[in-house]
Amino acid sequence: MSGDTGPVEVEPMPGYLDLVTRATTVMLGAWRDCSNCGVELSKRTLLDNAYITCTEIALFFFCAFLWTQVRRGLTESLFQPLAQWCRLLPKDAAKMPESAWKLVFYTMSWSYTTYLLFFSSYSFFHDPPSVFYNWKSGMSVPVDIAIAYLIQGSFYGHSIYATVYMDAWRKDSAVMVVHHIITLALISFSYAFRYHNVGILVLFLHDINDIQLEFTKLNIYLKARGDGYHLLNDVLSNMGSVSFSITWFWFRLYWFPLKVLYATCVSSLQSVPDIPFYFFFNALLLVLLLMNIYWFLFIVVFVVKVLKMKEVNDVREYDDEDGSKEDAGLLRDPQAENNDDDAGHHISAQGKHVQNGVTKDKHL
């Protein structure tokens, strides 16, 4: 289905108050009208509206295996040699290949969803209600959107395996496995019920932060390479931190609720009055919004500590060595090693960078 079908006039994006009032009214009305809601109706709806073929399942497992082999090949032939060539600190060299791999993938996947939303015929971003225009149970999925779903779904299938068998086991690795399983379930269910249009919009609004996160982490690792201090990487890590914070709010806390949630809570019933699993999918999206708000609070705490020039604890990294945890949305503190010139870093009169009493050569 192309996004240019349906009404020509685009409905203006609502405000927060309009979202809350209209979504609450519509959802309460839908709940009152659903006199036969329950387990039996859910079973019938699942059997009548979920469409996924054996070929699609086989492609998923094949691509998940392919991602694993591609990552292993890039790690052994490129990322690990690059870490050795840069003479990273041992703990950073161990983490660098994982961040580099994620940066490569999320840059690729987000670029593709950006292409679909802004350089093709789909108008879902500018006209979010159009995600439900001409929706039909079991409708065919456009090839370009199906490719995006295959890429994302198989990647999270790979990520479940990678977290257990390829990544260093960290304190929150079990939580990350659960996160990947839930994400994979959301991708699979939205595809099976043909909510792929709104799914592309959700992926676009969330993946950009993963790019900024991994970019920031890589520069944190690189700024201390070769037993020296590299100002450029320090500046880039700070820039990544700032852009991460801004886009987190703009994409996940502004555009996501006002574009996606308004479309799924209000516009969906206007286009498809008996749309299946209305409450189930909206509940999952609301939980996702609450998680985004929760993680944003950590970002706010980090920014406040930096502004006050206080000791900044790592609220992002999650390995045993640092004693904190990482999730899909929390930013590793890019100034955890460089937040107080008097306490941790300063430049000596000879142009040396002093970190915790250790003098390092200062480079651009």
Protein backbone atom coordinates (compact mmCIF):
# COMPACT_ATOMS: atom_id res chain seq x y z
CA MET A 1 0.00 0.00 0.00
CA SER A 2 1.35 3.40 -0.90
CA GLY A 3 1.15 6.22 1.61
CA ASP A 4 -0.36 8.65 -0.92
CA THR A 5 -3.83 7.05 -0.84
CA GLY A 6 -6.65 8.50 1.20
CA PRO A 7 -7.60 12.12 1.85
CA VAL A 8 -5.38 14.80 0.37
CA GLU A 9 -5.72 17.15 3.32
CA VAL A 10 -3.25 16.34 6.09
CA GLU A 11 -4.52 16.49 9.65
CA PRO A 12 -2.37 18.84 11.76
CA MET A 13 -0.28 17.25 14.49
CA PRO A 14 -2.03 17.52 17.88
CA GLY A 15 -0.61 18.91 21.10
CA TYR A 16 -0.02 16.93 24.27
CA LEU A 17 -3.33 18.01 25.83
CA ASP A 18 -5.26 17.10 22.71
CA LEU A 19 -3.53 13.71 22.62
CA VAL A 20 -4.41 12.92 26.22
CA THR A 21 -8.04 14.08 26.05
CA ARG A 22 -8.93 12.56 22.69
CA ALA A 23 -7.03 9.32 23.22
CA THR A 24 -8.63 8.84 26.64
CA THR A 25 -12.12 9.55 25.28
CA VAL A 26 -11.71 7.24 22.30
CA MET A 27 -10.17 4.38 24.28
CA LEU A 28 -12.81 4.54 27.02
CA GLY A 29 -15.53 4.56 24.37
CA ALA A 30 -13.96 1.57 22.63
CA TRP A 31 -13.75 -0.28 25.94
CA ARG A 32 -17.43 0.33 26.71
CA ASP A 33 -18.43 -0.84 23.24
CA CYS A 34 -16.40 -4.03 23.51
CA SER A 35 -19.00 -6.13 25.30
CA ASN A 36 -17.54 -9.49 24.23
CA CYS A 37 -13.85 -8.72 24.83
CA GLY A 38 -11.97 -11.57 26.44
CA VAL A 39 -9.79 -14.60 25.86
CA GLU A 40 -12.10 -16.27 23.36
CA LEU A 41 -12.38 -13.15 21.19
CA SER A 42 -8.60 -12.73 21.34
CA LYS A 43 -8.08 -16.30 20.14
CA ARG A 44 -10.50 -15.86 17.25
CA THR A 45 -8.96 -12.52 16.31
CA LEU A 46 -5.46 -14.01 16.37
CA LEU A 47 -6.43 -16.92 14.12
CA ASP A 48 -8.41 -14.72 11.72
CA ASN A 49 -6.00 -11.82 11.32
CA ALA A 50 -2.41 -13.04 11.84
CA TYR A 51 -0.66 -13.76 8.55
CA ILE A 52 2.90 -15.03 8.28
CA THR A 53 4.24 -17.72 5.97
CA CYS A 54 6.78 -20.51 6.42
CA THR A 55 8.97 -18.86 3.79
CA GLU A 56 9.06 -15.62 5.81
CA ILE A 57 9.99 -17.55 8.96
CA ALA A 58 12.76 -19.37 7.09
CA LEU A 59 14.10 -16.06 5.75
CA PHE A 60 14.13 -14.68 9.28
CA PHE A 61 16.33 -17.50 10.60
CA PHE A 62 18.60 -17.37 7.55
CA CYS A 63 19.17 -13.62 7.88
CA ALA A 64 19.69 -13.88 11.65
CA PHE A 65 22.41 -16.46 10.95
CA LEU A 66 23.81 -14.21 8.22
CA TRP A 67 24.05 -11.21 10.59
CA THR A 68 25.97 -13.39 13.04
CA GLN A 69 28.48 -14.41 10.37
CA VAL A 70 28.85 -10.86 9.05
CA ARG A 71 29.50 -9.54 12.55
CA ARG A 72 32.04 -12.26 13.29
CA GLY A 73 33.82 -11.57 10.03
CA LEU A 74 33.92 -7.80 10.53
CA THR A 75 35.07 -8.20 14.13
CA GLU A 76 37.96 -10.50 13.26
CA SER A 77 39.06 -8.80 10.06
CA LEU A 78 38.38 -5.12 10.80
CA PHE A 79 37.24 -4.08 14.28
CA GLN A 80 39.74 -6.00 16.41
CA PRO A 81 42.74 -5.10 14.21
CA LEU A 82 41.58 -1.48 14.26
CA ALA A 83 41.41 -1.51 18.06
CA GLN A 84 44.95 -2.91 18.20
CA TRP A 85 46.22 -0.37 15.66
CA CYS A 86 44.71 2.48 17.70
CA ARG A 87 46.31 1.04 20.85
CA LEU A 88 43.13 1.30 22.87
CA LEU A 89 43.10 0.56 26.57
CA PRO A 90 42.42 -3.16 27.16
CA LYS A 91 38.92 -2.60 28.57
CA ASP A 92 38.05 -0.28 25.66
CA ALA A 93 39.51 -2.63 23.07
CA ALA A 94 37.23 -5.38 24.37
CA LYS A 95 34.12 -3.21 23.96
CA MET A 96 35.00 -1.33 20.79
CA PRO A 97 34.05 -4.09 18.25
CA GLU A 98 30.53 -4.37 19.67
CA SER A 99 29.94 -0.61 19.45
CA ALA A 100 31.44 -0.44 15.97
CA TRP A 101 29.17 -3.25 14.76
CA LYS A 102 26.07 -1.61 16.20
CA LEU A 103 27.02 1.74 14.72
CA VAL A 104 27.37 0.17 11.27
CA PHE A 105 24.04 -1.65 11.52
CA TYR A 106 21.92 1.14 12.97
CA THR A 107 23.34 3.66 10.51
CA MET A 108 22.37 1.35 7.66
CA SER A 109 18.91 0.47 8.99
CA TRP A 110 17.98 4.02 9.98
CA SER A 111 19.15 5.34 6.62
CA TYR A 112 16.86 2.84 4.90
CA THR A 113 13.79 3.77 6.98
CA THR A 114 14.63 7.45 6.34
CA TYR A 115 14.62 6.71 2.64
CA LEU A 116 11.23 5.03 2.87
CA LEU A 117 9.64 7.88 4.82
CA PHE A 118 11.15 10.87 3.01
CA PHE A 119 12.33 9.77 -0.44
CA SER A 120 9.60 7.38 -1.56
CA SER A 121 5.85 7.60 -2.05
CA TYR A 122 5.00 6.98 1.62
CA SER A 123 3.71 9.96 3.59
CA PHE A 124 3.48 8.34 7.01
CA PHE A 125 5.73 10.84 8.76
CA HIS A 126 3.96 13.95 7.46
CA ASP A 127 0.52 12.34 7.64
CA PRO A 128 0.57 9.71 10.43
CA PRO A 129 -3.16 8.81 10.18
CA SER A 130 -2.40 7.54 6.67
CA VAL A 131 -0.75 4.46 8.19
CA PHE A 132 -4.27 3.03 8.52
CA TYR A 133 -5.76 4.19 5.20
CA ASN A 134 -7.12 1.21 3.24
CA TRP A 135 -5.98 -1.21 5.95
CA LYS A 136 -7.27 -4.74 5.45
CA SER A 137 -6.65 -7.94 7.35
CA GLY A 138 -4.08 -10.04 5.52
CA MET A 139 -3.24 -7.28 3.04
CA SER A 140 0.01 -7.65 1.11
CA VAL A 141 3.09 -5.95 2.52
CA PRO A 142 5.04 -3.80 0.02
CA VAL A 143 8.40 -5.34 -0.80
CA ASP A 144 10.41 -2.32 0.37
CA ILE A 145 8.70 -2.33 3.79
CA ALA A 146 8.97 -6.13 4.03
CA ILE A 147 12.73 -5.79 3.48
CA ALA A 148 12.95 -3.29 6.35
CA TYR A 149 11.05 -5.68 8.62
CA LEU A 150 13.28 -8.59 7.60
CA ILE A 151 16.41 -6.55 8.34
CA GLN A 152 15.19 -5.39 11.75
CA GLY A 153 13.54 -8.62 12.85
CA SER A 154 16.49 -10.84 11.90
CA PHE A 155 18.91 -8.40 13.56
CA TYR A 156 17.11 -8.71 16.89
CA GLY A 157 17.01 -12.46 16.44
CA HIS A 158 20.79 -12.32 15.97
CA SER A 159 21.10 -9.97 18.97
CA ILE A 160 19.50 -12.54 21.28
CA TYR A 161 22.19 -15.04 20.29
CA ALA A 162 24.96 -12.43 20.32
CA THR A 163 24.15 -11.19 23.82
CA VAL A 164 24.48 -14.72 25.20
CA TYR A 165 27.35 -16.12 23.13
CA MET A 166 29.30 -13.26 21.50
CA ASP A 167 29.18 -10.23 23.80
CA ALA A 168 30.98 -9.99 27.12
CA TRP A 169 28.49 -11.01 29.81
CA ARG A 170 27.48 -7.96 31.77
CA LYS A 171 25.33 -7.29 34.79
CA ASP A 172 22.26 -6.49 32.71
CA SER A 173 22.81 -8.98 29.89
CA ALA A 174 19.77 -10.94 31.03
CA VAL A 175 17.71 -7.74 30.86
CA MET A 176 19.04 -7.09 27.37
CA VAL A 177 17.98 -10.56 26.26
CA VAL A 178 14.46 -9.84 27.51
CA HIS A 179 14.52 -6.47 25.75
CA HIS A 180 15.51 -8.12 22.45
CA ILE A 181 12.79 -10.75 22.81
CA ILE A 182 10.11 -8.11 23.45
CA THR A 183 11.32 -6.01 20.52
CA LEU A 184 11.31 -9.04 18.25
CA ALA A 185 7.78 -9.90 19.41
CA LEU A 186 6.59 -6.36 18.60
CA ILE A 187 8.15 -6.49 15.14
CA SER A 188 6.70 -9.95 14.45
CA PHE A 189 3.18 -9.17 15.68
CA SER A 190 2.99 -5.83 13.87
CA TYR A 191 4.06 -7.57 10.66
CA ALA A 192 1.64 -10.46 11.09
CA PHE A 193 -1.30 -8.11 11.75
CA ARG A 194 -0.26 -5.81 8.91
CA TYR A 195 0.56 -2.81 11.08
CA HIS A 196 3.78 -2.48 9.11
CA ASN A 197 3.18 1.16 8.17
CA VAL A 198 3.15 2.38 11.75
CA GLY A 199 6.01 0.00 12.52
CA ILE A 200 8.29 1.77 10.03
CA LEU A 201 7.49 5.07 11.72
CA VAL A 202 8.31 3.65 15.17
CA LEU A 203 11.64 2.25 13.94
CA PHE A 204 12.60 5.57 12.38
CA LEU A 205 11.88 7.49 15.58
CA HIS A 206 13.92 5.14 17.79
CA ASP A 207 16.94 3.97 15.80
CA ILE A 208 18.58 7.37 15.48
CA ASN A 209 19.47 7.38 19.18
CA ASP A 210 21.35 4.10 18.84
CA ILE A 211 23.54 5.69 16.15
CA GLN A 212 24.40 8.62 18.40
CA LEU A 213 24.95 6.35 21.39
CA GLU A 214 27.46 4.08 19.66
CA PHE A 215 29.18 7.06 18.00
CA THR A 216 29.63 8.66 21.42
CA LYS A 217 30.96 5.47 22.98
CA LEU A 218 33.48 4.93 20.19
CA ASN A 219 34.86 8.42 20.68
CA ILE A 220 35.11 7.81 24.42
CA TYR A 221 37.22 4.75 23.70
CA LEU A 222 39.34 6.60 21.12
CA LYS A 223 40.09 9.68 23.20
CA ALA A 224 42.45 7.71 25.46
CA ARG A 225 44.12 5.66 22.71
CA GLY A 226 47.87 5.23 22.52
CA ASP A 227 48.42 6.24 26.15
CA GLY A 228 47.54 9.81 25.20
CA TYR A 229 44.66 12.23 25.35
CA HIS A 230 42.97 13.17 22.06
CA LEU A 231 41.00 16.37 22.24
CA LEU A 232 39.10 15.85 18.99
CA ASN A 233 37.55 12.59 20.18
CA ASP A 234 36.70 14.18 23.52
CA VAL A 235 34.90 17.02 21.72
CA LEU A 236 33.11 14.57 19.42
CA SER A 237 31.98 12.48 22.39
CA ASN A 238 30.58 15.60 24.06
CA MET A 239 28.83 16.63 20.85
CA GLY A 240 27.38 13.13 20.57
CA SER A 241 26.13 13.34 24.13
CA VAL A 242 24.40 16.67 23.53
CA SER A 243 22.80 15.57 20.25
CA PHE A 244 21.70 12.30 21.87
CA SER A 245 19.91 14.17 24.65
CA ILE A 246 18.17 16.58 22.28
CA THR A 247 17.04 13.98 19.75
CA TRP A 248 15.92 11.62 22.52
CA PHE A 249 13.38 14.18 23.62
CA TRP A 250 12.45 15.35 20.13
CA PHE A 251 12.06 11.93 18.51
CA ARG A 252 10.90 9.74 21.42
CA LEU A 253 9.00 12.14 23.67
CA TYR A 254 7.61 14.63 21.15
CA TRP A 255 7.18 13.04 17.72
CA PHE A 256 6.54 9.51 18.99
CA PRO A 257 3.50 10.27 21.18
CA LEU A 258 2.07 13.05 18.98
CA LYS A 259 2.52 11.21 15.69
CA VAL A 260 2.43 7.50 16.50
CA LEU A 261 0.27 7.23 19.62
CA TYR A 262 -2.31 9.69 18.32
CA ALA A 263 -2.55 7.69 15.09
CA THR A 264 -2.85 4.32 16.85
CA CYS A 265 -5.20 5.47 19.64
CA VAL A 266 -7.48 7.86 17.72
CA SER A 267 -7.00 7.69 13.96
CA SER A 268 -6.96 3.89 13.79
CA LEU A 269 -10.57 3.54 14.93
CA GLN A 270 -11.66 6.29 12.55
CA SER A 271 -10.23 4.36 9.59
CA VAL A 272 -10.90 0.81 10.85
CA PRO A 273 -13.65 0.74 13.53
CA ASP A 274 -13.10 -2.96 14.31
CA ILE A 275 -9.31 -2.98 14.06
CA PRO A 276 -7.93 -6.12 15.75
CA PHE A 277 -5.92 -6.06 18.99
CA TYR A 278 -6.47 -2.33 19.41
CA PHE A 279 -5.89 -2.38 23.17
CA PHE A 280 -3.00 -4.85 23.04
CA PHE A 281 -0.85 -2.87 20.61
CA ASN A 282 -1.65 0.49 22.15
CA ALA A 283 -0.75 -0.87 25.60
CA LEU A 284 2.65 -1.98 24.27
CA LEU A 285 3.24 1.42 22.68
CA LEU A 286 2.26 3.19 25.90
CA VAL A 287 4.72 1.01 27.83
CA LEU A 288 7.39 1.96 25.30
CA LEU A 289 6.61 5.64 25.91
CA LEU A 290 6.88 5.16 29.68
CA MET A 291 10.26 3.45 29.21
CA ASN A 292 11.44 6.38 27.09
CA ILE A 293 10.37 8.82 29.81
CA TYR A 294 12.08 6.74 32.48
CA TRP A 295 15.35 6.61 30.55
CA PHE A 296 15.12 10.33 29.78
CA LEU A 297 15.20 11.02 33.52
CA PHE A 298 18.70 9.50 33.64
CA ILE A 299 19.74 11.82 30.81
CA VAL A 300 18.38 14.82 32.72
CA VAL A 301 20.29 13.78 35.86
CA PHE A 302 23.46 13.49 33.79
CA VAL A 303 23.01 16.95 32.24
CA VAL A 304 22.29 18.54 35.62
CA LYS A 305 25.45 17.03 37.12
CA VAL A 306 27.54 18.26 34.22
CA LEU A 307 26.11 21.78 34.53
CA LYS A 308 26.88 21.79 38.25
CA MET A 309 30.37 20.39 37.55
CA LYS A 310 29.88 17.65 40.10
CA GLU A 311 31.20 14.12 40.14
CA VAL A 312 29.35 12.35 37.34
CA ASN A 313 28.76 8.65 37.82
CA ASP A 314 28.36 6.45 34.80
CA VAL A 315 24.62 6.03 34.20
CA ARG A 316 24.98 4.33 30.84
CA GLU A 317 27.73 1.71 30.65
CA TYR A 318 26.80 -1.67 31.97
CA ASP A 319 29.79 -3.91 32.32
CA ASP A 320 30.90 -5.52 35.55
CA GLU A 321 33.96 -3.32 35.69
CA ASP A 322 31.98 -0.08 35.80
CA GLY A 323 29.19 -1.46 37.95
CA SER A 324 26.38 0.18 36.02
CA LYS A 325 24.09 -0.95 33.24
CA GLU A 326 23.25 -0.26 29.64
CA ASP A 327 19.88 -0.46 27.94
CA ALA A 328 18.63 0.46 24.50
CA GLY A 329 17.91 3.95 25.61
CA LEU A 330 20.36 5.04 28.38
CA LEU A 331 23.37 7.11 27.44
CA ARG A 332 26.76 6.16 28.73
CA ASP A 333 28.14 9.25 30.40
CA PRO A 334 30.57 10.65 27.82
CA GLN A 335 32.19 12.82 30.48
CA ALA A 336 32.47 10.24 33.22
CA GLU A 337 36.22 10.33 32.68
CA ASN A 338 36.43 14.05 31.93
CA ASN A 339 33.84 15.94 33.93
CA ASP A 340 35.94 17.91 36.39
CA ASP A 341 39.25 19.44 35.42
CA ASP A 342 40.30 19.78 39.04
CA ALA A 343 39.27 16.26 40.06
CA GLY A 344 40.22 14.14 37.06
CA HIS A 345 41.80 15.94 34.10
CA HIS A 346 43.81 19.08 33.53
CA ILE A 347 46.35 20.39 31.09
CA SER A 348 49.82 20.94 32.46
CA ALA A 349 52.02 23.85 31.52
CA GLN A 350 54.02 21.55 29.24
CA GLY A 351 50.93 20.65 27.17
CA LYS A 352 50.42 17.33 28.90
CA HIS A 353 47.02 15.94 29.83
CA VAL A 354 46.83 14.78 33.43
CA GLN A 355 44.23 12.15 34.29
CA ASN A 356 43.94 10.94 37.85
CA GLY A 357 47.57 11.79 38.52
CA VAL A 358 48.85 10.15 35.32
CA THR A 359 50.43 12.46 32.73
CA LYS A 360 49.53 11.69 29.10
CA ASP A 361 50.54 13.29 25.84
CA LYS A 362 47.88 15.63 24.53
CA HIS A 363 46.87 15.30 20.87
CA LEU A 364 44.28 16.83 18.63
